[in-house]
Amino acid sequence: MIDGLGDLFGSTGVVFALAALDKRGVLEALAARAAALAGRDPGAVVDVILRREALGSTGFGAGTAIPHGRLAGLDRIVVVAAKLAAPVDYAALDGLPVDLVVLMMAPEGDGAGHLKALARVSRALRDAAWCGQLRAAGSADVFYETLVGTRRSAAA
């Protein structure tokens, strides 16, 4: 069972059944939520995320993606998780469309904390059974409970 990720974000960091037509739409919607949580300009968050995506896709396989970056002026790591209403082409490494996305923004000078959080999320999203529970979640509450580890049954 996956350790909960609740220390990385709260229920306001969940976007359930996000209706987006493409990768950019997903990134813009999640960047807007992250910006609101961090009290930052959404455009600045989108710019950071798109610059990182230009280096290579953060869609790392099996329908999952972890767009991430560092933003000046943040005082903590901000994480937003989404279950998409329908998978989108994300130019993922395995060529599969993406339906689970965790966007992470870290303070500009936070090296170790950012990498540690990124590694935790990456490990979690490699667990096919856990991702299956996230995909089976029928509500934002169940999705969030599965993310943070308070929902322990296989019938998420």
N, C-alpha and C. Protein backbone atom coordinates (compact mmCIF):
# COMPACT_ATOMS: atom_id res chain seq x y z
N MET A 1 0.85 -1.19 0.00
CA MET A 1 0.00 0.00 0.00
C MET A 1 0.89 1.24 0.00
N ILE A 2 0.46 2.24 -0.72
CA ILE A 2 1.18 3.49 -0.85
C ILE A 2 1.04 4.30 0.44
N ASP A 3 2.16 4.87 0.88
CA ASP A 3 2.09 5.82 1.98
C ASP A 3 1.35 7.05 1.48
N GLY A 4 0.53 7.62 2.33
CA GLY A 4 -0.23 8.80 1.94
C GLY A 4 0.67 9.97 1.57
N LEU A 5 0.15 10.80 0.71
CA LEU A 5 0.87 11.99 0.29
C LEU A 5 0.25 13.24 0.90
N GLY A 6 -0.52 13.04 1.97
CA GLY A 6 -1.25 14.14 2.59
C GLY A 6 -0.39 15.26 3.10
N ASP A 7 0.86 14.98 3.45
CA ASP A 7 1.73 16.05 3.92
C ASP A 7 2.17 16.96 2.78
N LEU A 8 1.92 16.55 1.54
CA LEU A 8 2.29 17.39 0.40
C LEU A 8 1.18 18.35 -0.01
N PHE A 9 -0.07 17.98 0.24
CA PHE A 9 -1.16 18.86 -0.14
C PHE A 9 -2.44 18.50 0.60
N GLY A 10 -3.39 19.41 0.54
CA GLY A 10 -4.68 19.21 1.18
C GLY A 10 -5.77 19.01 0.14
N SER A 11 -6.98 18.90 0.61
CA SER A 11 -8.11 18.61 -0.29
C SER A 11 -8.32 19.72 -1.31
N THR A 12 -7.88 20.94 -1.01
CA THR A 12 -8.02 22.03 -1.99
C THR A 12 -7.04 21.87 -3.14
N GLY A 13 -6.11 20.93 -3.02
CA GLY A 13 -5.16 20.65 -4.08
C GLY A 13 -5.60 19.52 -4.99
N VAL A 14 -6.90 19.21 -4.99
CA VAL A 14 -7.44 18.13 -5.82
C VAL A 14 -8.36 18.73 -6.88
N VAL A 15 -8.16 18.29 -8.11
CA VAL A 15 -9.05 18.65 -9.21
C VAL A 15 -9.59 17.33 -9.75
N PHE A 16 -10.89 17.12 -9.57
CA PHE A 16 -11.50 15.84 -9.94
C PHE A 16 -12.28 15.98 -11.24
N ALA A 17 -12.12 15.01 -12.12
CA ALA A 17 -12.82 14.97 -13.40
C ALA A 17 -12.55 16.23 -14.22
N LEU A 18 -11.29 16.63 -14.26
CA LEU A 18 -10.88 17.80 -15.02
C LEU A 18 -11.16 17.59 -16.50
N ALA A 19 -11.97 18.46 -17.06
CA ALA A 19 -12.30 18.39 -18.48
C ALA A 19 -11.34 19.28 -19.24
N ALA A 20 -10.37 18.68 -19.89
CA ALA A 20 -9.41 19.42 -20.70
C ALA A 20 -9.27 18.68 -22.01
N LEU A 21 -9.06 19.43 -23.06
CA LEU A 21 -8.98 18.83 -24.39
C LEU A 21 -7.57 18.42 -24.78
N ASP A 22 -6.57 19.02 -24.12
CA ASP A 22 -5.19 18.74 -24.50
C ASP A 22 -4.25 19.00 -23.33
N LYS A 23 -2.99 18.69 -23.56
CA LYS A 23 -1.97 18.84 -22.53
C LYS A 23 -1.91 20.28 -22.01
N ARG A 24 -1.90 21.23 -22.91
CA ARG A 24 -1.81 22.63 -22.48
C ARG A 24 -2.99 23.00 -21.59
N GLY A 25 -4.19 22.54 -21.95
CA GLY A 25 -5.37 22.82 -21.13
C GLY A 25 -5.24 22.24 -19.74
N VAL A 26 -4.69 21.03 -19.64
CA VAL A 26 -4.45 20.41 -18.34
C VAL A 26 -3.46 21.26 -17.54
N LEU A 27 -2.36 21.62 -18.17
CA LEU A 27 -1.32 22.39 -17.47
C LEU A 27 -1.82 23.75 -17.03
N GLU A 28 -2.59 24.41 -17.87
CA GLU A 28 -3.12 25.72 -17.50
C GLU A 28 -4.10 25.63 -16.33
N ALA A 29 -4.97 24.62 -16.34
CA ALA A 29 -5.95 24.46 -15.26
C ALA A 29 -5.25 24.15 -13.93
N LEU A 30 -4.28 23.25 -13.97
CA LEU A 30 -3.58 22.89 -12.74
C LEU A 30 -2.67 24.01 -12.25
N ALA A 31 -2.07 24.74 -13.19
CA ALA A 31 -1.24 25.89 -12.81
C ALA A 31 -2.10 26.96 -12.14
N ALA A 32 -3.32 27.16 -12.64
CA ALA A 32 -4.21 28.14 -12.03
C ALA A 32 -4.56 27.75 -10.60
N ARG A 33 -4.82 26.45 -10.38
CA ARG A 33 -5.13 26.00 -9.02
C ARG A 33 -3.91 26.15 -8.11
N ALA A 34 -2.73 25.75 -8.60
CA ALA A 34 -1.50 25.89 -7.81
C ALA A 34 -1.22 27.35 -7.49
N ALA A 35 -1.42 28.22 -8.46
CA ALA A 35 -1.19 29.65 -8.25
C ALA A 35 -2.13 30.19 -7.18
N ALA A 36 -3.39 29.78 -7.22
CA ALA A 36 -4.36 30.23 -6.22
C ALA A 36 -3.95 29.75 -4.82
N LEU A 37 -3.49 28.51 -4.72
CA LEU A 37 -3.07 27.97 -3.42
C LEU A 37 -1.83 28.68 -2.89
N ALA A 38 -0.96 29.13 -3.79
CA ALA A 38 0.30 29.75 -3.39
C ALA A 38 0.24 31.27 -3.37
N GLY A 39 -0.88 31.84 -3.81
CA GLY A 39 -0.98 33.29 -3.87
C GLY A 39 -0.04 33.88 -4.92
N ARG A 40 0.13 33.19 -6.03
CA ARG A 40 1.03 33.61 -7.10
C ARG A 40 0.24 33.88 -8.37
N ASP A 41 0.90 34.47 -9.34
CA ASP A 41 0.30 34.76 -10.63
C ASP A 41 0.20 33.48 -11.46
N PRO A 42 -0.99 33.11 -11.94
CA PRO A 42 -1.12 31.89 -12.74
C PRO A 42 -0.22 31.87 -13.97
N GLY A 43 -0.04 33.02 -14.60
CA GLY A 43 0.82 33.08 -15.78
C GLY A 43 2.26 32.70 -15.48
N ALA A 44 2.74 33.10 -14.31
CA ALA A 44 4.11 32.76 -13.91
C ALA A 44 4.25 31.26 -13.71
N VAL A 45 3.24 30.63 -13.12
CA VAL A 45 3.28 29.19 -12.90
C VAL A 45 3.23 28.46 -14.24
N VAL A 46 2.36 28.88 -15.13
CA VAL A 46 2.27 28.26 -16.46
C VAL A 46 3.61 28.38 -17.18
N ASP A 47 4.23 29.56 -17.12
CA ASP A 47 5.51 29.77 -17.78
C ASP A 47 6.57 28.80 -17.28
N VAL A 48 6.64 28.62 -15.96
CA VAL A 48 7.62 27.70 -15.38
C VAL A 48 7.36 26.28 -15.85
N ILE A 49 6.11 25.88 -15.81
CA ILE A 49 5.75 24.51 -16.21
C ILE A 49 6.04 24.28 -17.69
N LEU A 50 5.68 25.23 -18.54
CA LEU A 50 5.91 25.07 -19.98
C LEU A 50 7.41 25.06 -20.31
N ARG A 51 8.19 25.86 -19.60
CA ARG A 51 9.66 25.82 -19.81
C ARG A 51 10.20 24.45 -19.46
N ARG A 52 9.71 23.85 -18.38
CA ARG A 52 10.16 22.52 -18.00
C ARG A 52 9.72 21.49 -19.04
N GLU A 53 8.50 21.59 -19.52
CA GLU A 53 8.00 20.66 -20.53
C GLU A 53 8.81 20.75 -21.82
N ALA A 54 9.33 21.94 -22.12
CA ALA A 54 10.14 22.11 -23.34
C ALA A 54 11.43 21.30 -23.27
N LEU A 55 11.87 20.97 -22.06
CA LEU A 55 13.08 20.15 -21.88
C LEU A 55 12.80 18.68 -22.12
N GLY A 56 11.57 18.28 -22.01
CA GLY A 56 11.16 16.88 -22.17
C GLY A 56 9.86 16.66 -21.43
N SER A 57 9.05 15.78 -21.95
CA SER A 57 7.74 15.54 -21.36
C SER A 57 7.85 14.99 -19.94
N THR A 58 6.98 15.49 -19.09
CA THR A 58 6.89 14.97 -17.72
C THR A 58 5.85 13.86 -17.62
N GLY A 59 5.34 13.43 -18.77
CA GLY A 59 4.47 12.25 -18.82
C GLY A 59 5.38 11.04 -18.83
N PHE A 60 5.45 10.33 -17.70
CA PHE A 60 6.48 9.30 -17.60
C PHE A 60 5.98 7.89 -17.81
N GLY A 61 4.70 7.72 -18.12
CA GLY A 61 4.23 6.41 -18.49
C GLY A 61 3.01 5.95 -17.74
N ALA A 62 2.34 4.95 -18.32
CA ALA A 62 1.17 4.32 -17.72
C ALA A 62 0.05 5.31 -17.41
N GLY A 63 -0.07 6.37 -18.22
CA GLY A 63 -1.15 7.32 -18.05
C GLY A 63 -0.94 8.36 -16.97
N THR A 64 0.30 8.55 -16.54
CA THR A 64 0.58 9.48 -15.44
C THR A 64 1.59 10.55 -15.88
N ALA A 65 1.52 11.70 -15.22
CA ALA A 65 2.45 12.79 -15.50
C ALA A 65 2.70 13.58 -14.22
N ILE A 66 3.91 14.12 -14.11
CA ILE A 66 4.26 14.98 -12.97
C ILE A 66 4.91 16.26 -13.50
N PRO A 67 4.11 17.18 -14.01
CA PRO A 67 4.69 18.47 -14.39
C PRO A 67 5.20 19.18 -13.14
N HIS A 68 6.36 19.79 -13.24
CA HIS A 68 6.96 20.39 -12.06
C HIS A 68 7.92 21.51 -12.43
N GLY A 69 8.23 22.32 -11.45
CA GLY A 69 9.18 23.40 -11.65
C GLY A 69 9.43 24.14 -10.36
N ARG A 70 10.30 25.13 -10.46
CA ARG A 70 10.64 25.96 -9.31
C ARG A 70 10.23 27.40 -9.60
N LEU A 71 9.69 28.04 -8.59
CA LEU A 71 9.15 29.38 -8.77
C LEU A 71 9.66 30.30 -7.66
N ALA A 72 10.22 31.41 -8.07
CA ALA A 72 10.70 32.41 -7.11
C ALA A 72 9.54 32.91 -6.27
N GLY A 73 9.80 33.12 -5.00
CA GLY A 73 8.80 33.70 -4.11
C GLY A 73 7.92 32.70 -3.39
N LEU A 74 8.01 31.44 -3.75
CA LEU A 74 7.25 30.43 -3.00
C LEU A 74 7.93 30.20 -1.65
N ASP A 75 7.12 29.90 -0.63
CA ASP A 75 7.69 29.61 0.67
C ASP A 75 7.56 28.13 1.05
N ARG A 76 6.93 27.35 0.15
CA ARG A 76 6.72 25.93 0.40
C ARG A 76 6.43 25.23 -0.92
N ILE A 77 6.49 23.92 -0.91
CA ILE A 77 6.12 23.15 -2.08
C ILE A 77 4.60 23.15 -2.20
N VAL A 78 4.10 23.36 -3.40
CA VAL A 78 2.67 23.36 -3.68
C VAL A 78 2.38 22.23 -4.66
N VAL A 79 1.43 21.37 -4.29
CA VAL A 79 1.11 20.21 -5.12
C VAL A 79 -0.39 20.19 -5.42
N VAL A 80 -0.71 19.91 -6.69
CA VAL A 80 -2.09 19.77 -7.13
C VAL A 80 -2.20 18.45 -7.87
N ALA A 81 -3.17 17.64 -7.52
CA ALA A 81 -3.38 16.35 -8.18
C ALA A 81 -4.70 16.36 -8.92
N ALA A 82 -4.72 15.72 -10.09
CA ALA A 82 -5.94 15.70 -10.89
C ALA A 82 -6.19 14.34 -11.49
N LYS A 83 -7.47 14.01 -11.51
CA LYS A 83 -7.96 12.89 -12.31
C LYS A 83 -8.71 13.54 -13.47
N LEU A 84 -8.27 13.26 -14.68
CA LEU A 84 -8.90 13.87 -15.84
C LEU A 84 -10.21 13.16 -16.18
N ALA A 85 -11.15 13.91 -16.73
CA ALA A 85 -12.42 13.32 -17.15
C ALA A 85 -12.20 12.33 -18.28
N ALA A 86 -11.22 12.62 -19.14
CA ALA A 86 -10.85 11.73 -20.24
C ALA A 86 -9.36 11.91 -20.48
N PRO A 87 -8.66 10.84 -20.82
CA PRO A 87 -7.22 10.94 -21.08
C PRO A 87 -6.92 11.91 -22.23
N VAL A 88 -5.77 12.56 -22.15
CA VAL A 88 -5.32 13.47 -23.20
C VAL A 88 -3.94 13.04 -23.69
N ASP A 89 -3.67 13.35 -24.95
CA ASP A 89 -2.33 13.12 -25.49
C ASP A 89 -1.38 14.07 -24.76
N TYR A 90 -0.32 13.51 -24.19
CA TYR A 90 0.59 14.29 -23.35
C TYR A 90 2.02 14.20 -23.86
N ALA A 91 2.23 13.51 -24.97
CA ALA A 91 3.59 13.26 -25.48
C ALA A 91 4.41 12.53 -24.42
N ALA A 92 3.75 11.60 -23.73
CA ALA A 92 4.41 10.83 -22.67
C ALA A 92 5.48 9.92 -23.26
N LEU A 93 6.41 9.53 -22.42
CA LEU A 93 7.53 8.70 -22.85
C LEU A 93 7.09 7.39 -23.49
N ASP A 94 5.98 6.82 -23.00
CA ASP A 94 5.50 5.56 -23.56
C ASP A 94 4.45 5.75 -24.65
N GLY A 95 4.14 7.00 -24.97
CA GLY A 95 3.18 7.29 -26.02
C GLY A 95 1.72 7.16 -25.62
N LEU A 96 1.45 6.74 -24.39
CA LEU A 96 0.07 6.57 -23.93
C LEU A 96 -0.51 7.90 -23.46
N PRO A 97 -1.83 8.08 -23.62
CA PRO A 97 -2.46 9.30 -23.09
C PRO A 97 -2.42 9.30 -21.57
N VAL A 98 -2.58 10.47 -21.00
CA VAL A 98 -2.47 10.67 -19.55
C VAL A 98 -3.83 11.00 -18.96
N ASP A 99 -4.11 10.41 -17.78
CA ASP A 99 -5.35 10.74 -17.07
C ASP A 99 -5.14 11.02 -15.59
N LEU A 100 -3.93 10.81 -15.08
CA LEU A 100 -3.58 11.16 -13.70
C LEU A 100 -2.38 12.12 -13.74
N VAL A 101 -2.55 13.29 -13.14
CA VAL A 101 -1.51 14.31 -13.20
C VAL A 101 -1.30 14.88 -11.80
N VAL A 102 -0.04 14.99 -11.42
CA VAL A 102 0.32 15.66 -10.16
C VAL A 102 1.28 16.78 -10.52
N LEU A 103 0.82 18.03 -10.38
CA LEU A 103 1.64 19.20 -10.65
C LEU A 103 2.30 19.64 -9.36
N MET A 104 3.60 19.91 -9.42
CA MET A 104 4.34 20.30 -8.23
C MET A 104 5.18 21.53 -8.52
N MET A 105 5.05 22.53 -7.66
CA MET A 105 5.87 23.74 -7.72
C MET A 105 6.66 23.84 -6.42
N ALA A 106 7.94 24.13 -6.54
CA ALA A 106 8.81 24.24 -5.37
C ALA A 106 9.44 25.63 -5.34
N PRO A 107 9.83 26.07 -4.15
CA PRO A 107 10.57 27.33 -4.07
C PRO A 107 11.84 27.25 -4.91
N GLU A 108 12.23 28.36 -5.49
CA GLU A 108 13.37 28.40 -6.41
C GLU A 108 14.64 27.80 -5.81
N GLY A 109 14.92 28.04 -4.56
CA GLY A 109 16.16 27.56 -3.96
C GLY A 109 16.06 26.21 -3.27
N ASP A 110 14.91 25.55 -3.38
CA ASP A 110 14.69 24.29 -2.67
C ASP A 110 15.12 23.11 -3.53
N GLY A 111 16.36 22.69 -3.38
CA GLY A 111 16.86 21.57 -4.17
C GLY A 111 16.45 20.23 -3.62
N ALA A 112 16.87 19.92 -2.42
CA ALA A 112 16.64 18.60 -1.83
C ALA A 112 15.16 18.32 -1.57
N GLY A 113 14.44 19.31 -1.06
CA GLY A 113 13.02 19.11 -0.75
C GLY A 113 12.22 18.83 -2.01
N HIS A 114 12.51 19.56 -3.06
CA HIS A 114 11.82 19.39 -4.34
C HIS A 114 12.09 17.99 -4.89
N LEU A 115 13.34 17.58 -4.89
CA LEU A 115 13.69 16.26 -5.43
C LEU A 115 13.11 15.13 -4.60
N LYS A 116 13.10 15.30 -3.28
CA LYS A 116 12.53 14.28 -2.40
C LYS A 116 11.03 14.13 -2.64
N ALA A 117 10.32 15.25 -2.74
CA ALA A 117 8.88 15.21 -2.99
C ALA A 117 8.59 14.63 -4.37
N LEU A 118 9.38 15.02 -5.35
CA LEU A 118 9.21 14.49 -6.71
C LEU A 118 9.42 12.98 -6.73
N ALA A 119 10.41 12.50 -6.01
CA ALA A 119 10.68 11.06 -5.95
C ALA A 119 9.52 10.32 -5.28
N ARG A 120 8.95 10.88 -4.22
CA ARG A 120 7.82 10.24 -3.54
C ARG A 120 6.61 10.12 -4.46
N VAL A 121 6.31 11.20 -5.15
CA VAL A 121 5.16 11.18 -6.06
C VAL A 121 5.42 10.20 -7.20
N SER A 122 6.62 10.22 -7.73
CA SER A 122 6.98 9.31 -8.82
C SER A 122 6.84 7.85 -8.41
N ARG A 123 7.34 7.51 -7.23
CA ARG A 123 7.21 6.14 -6.72
C ARG A 123 5.75 5.75 -6.57
N ALA A 124 4.97 6.66 -6.03
CA ALA A 124 3.54 6.37 -5.84
C ALA A 124 2.85 6.13 -7.17
N LEU A 125 3.14 6.95 -8.16
CA LEU A 125 2.47 6.81 -9.45
C LEU A 125 2.96 5.62 -10.26
N ARG A 126 4.01 4.98 -9.82
CA ARG A 126 4.46 3.74 -10.48
C ARG A 126 3.71 2.52 -9.97
N ASP A 127 2.95 2.67 -8.90
CA ASP A 127 2.19 1.57 -8.32
C ASP A 127 0.88 1.41 -9.09
N ALA A 128 0.80 0.41 -9.94
CA ALA A 128 -0.36 0.23 -10.81
C ALA A 128 -1.65 0.03 -10.03
N ALA A 129 -1.60 -0.71 -8.93
CA ALA A 129 -2.81 -0.95 -8.14
C ALA A 129 -3.33 0.35 -7.53
N TRP A 130 -2.43 1.15 -7.02
CA TRP A 130 -2.81 2.43 -6.41
C TRP A 130 -3.39 3.36 -7.47
N CYS A 131 -2.75 3.42 -8.62
CA CYS A 131 -3.27 4.24 -9.72
C CYS A 131 -4.65 3.74 -10.14
N GLY A 132 -4.84 2.43 -10.11
CA GLY A 132 -6.15 1.87 -10.41
C GLY A 132 -7.21 2.35 -9.43
N GLN A 133 -6.84 2.45 -8.16
CA GLN A 133 -7.77 2.97 -7.15
C GLN A 133 -8.08 4.44 -7.41
N LEU A 134 -7.07 5.20 -7.79
CA LEU A 134 -7.30 6.61 -8.11
C LEU A 134 -8.25 6.74 -9.30
N ARG A 135 -8.01 5.92 -10.32
CA ARG A 135 -8.86 5.96 -11.52
C ARG A 135 -10.29 5.52 -11.22
N ALA A 136 -10.46 4.61 -10.27
CA ALA A 136 -11.79 4.10 -9.92
C ALA A 136 -12.56 5.03 -9.00
N ALA A 137 -11.89 6.02 -8.44
CA ALA A 137 -12.55 6.94 -7.51
C ALA A 137 -13.74 7.60 -8.21
N GLY A 138 -14.89 7.53 -7.57
CA GLY A 138 -16.10 8.10 -8.15
C GLY A 138 -16.43 9.50 -7.69
N SER A 139 -15.58 10.05 -6.82
CA SER A 139 -15.83 11.40 -6.33
C SER A 139 -14.50 12.04 -5.94
N ALA A 140 -14.53 13.34 -5.81
CA ALA A 140 -13.33 14.07 -5.37
C ALA A 140 -12.90 13.61 -3.98
N ASP A 141 -13.87 13.35 -3.11
CA ASP A 141 -13.54 12.91 -1.76
C ASP A 141 -12.79 11.58 -1.76
N VAL A 142 -13.29 10.62 -2.54
CA VAL A 142 -12.64 9.30 -2.60
C VAL A 142 -11.26 9.44 -3.24
N PHE A 143 -11.16 10.25 -4.28
CA PHE A 143 -9.87 10.50 -4.93
C PHE A 143 -8.87 11.05 -3.92
N TYR A 144 -9.29 12.06 -3.16
CA TYR A 144 -8.42 12.68 -2.16
C TYR A 144 -8.05 11.67 -1.06
N GLU A 145 -9.02 10.93 -0.56
CA GLU A 145 -8.74 9.95 0.50
C GLU A 145 -7.75 8.89 0.01
N THR A 146 -7.84 8.50 -1.23
CA THR A 146 -6.89 7.54 -1.78
C THR A 146 -5.50 8.17 -1.90
N LEU A 147 -5.45 9.41 -2.34
CA LEU A 147 -4.17 10.11 -2.46
C LEU A 147 -3.43 10.21 -1.13
N VAL A 148 -4.16 10.58 -0.10
CA VAL A 148 -3.51 10.84 1.18
C VAL A 148 -3.40 9.61 2.07
N GLY A 149 -3.97 8.49 1.61
CA GLY A 149 -3.80 7.25 2.34
C GLY A 149 -4.80 7.01 3.45
N THR A 150 -5.88 7.78 3.47
CA THR A 150 -6.90 7.52 4.50
C THR A 150 -7.93 6.52 4.02
N ARG A 151 -7.90 6.20 2.74
CA ARG A 151 -8.81 5.18 2.18
C ARG A 151 -7.97 3.96 1.90
N ARG A 152 -8.21 2.90 2.62
CA ARG A 152 -7.35 1.72 2.56
C ARG A 152 -7.94 0.53 1.81
N SER A 153 -9.20 0.63 1.43
CA SER A 153 -9.79 -0.54 0.75
C SER A 153 -9.42 -0.54 -0.72
N ALA A 154 -9.45 -1.73 -1.32
CA ALA A 154 -9.16 -1.86 -2.75
C ALA A 154 -10.31 -1.35 -3.58
N ALA A 155 -11.48 -1.17 -2.97
CA ALA A 155 -12.65 -0.71 -3.71
C ALA A 155 -12.80 0.81 -3.55
N ALA A 156 -11.82 1.52 -4.04
CA ALA A 156 -11.84 2.99 -3.93
C ALA A 156 -12.92 3.52 -4.82
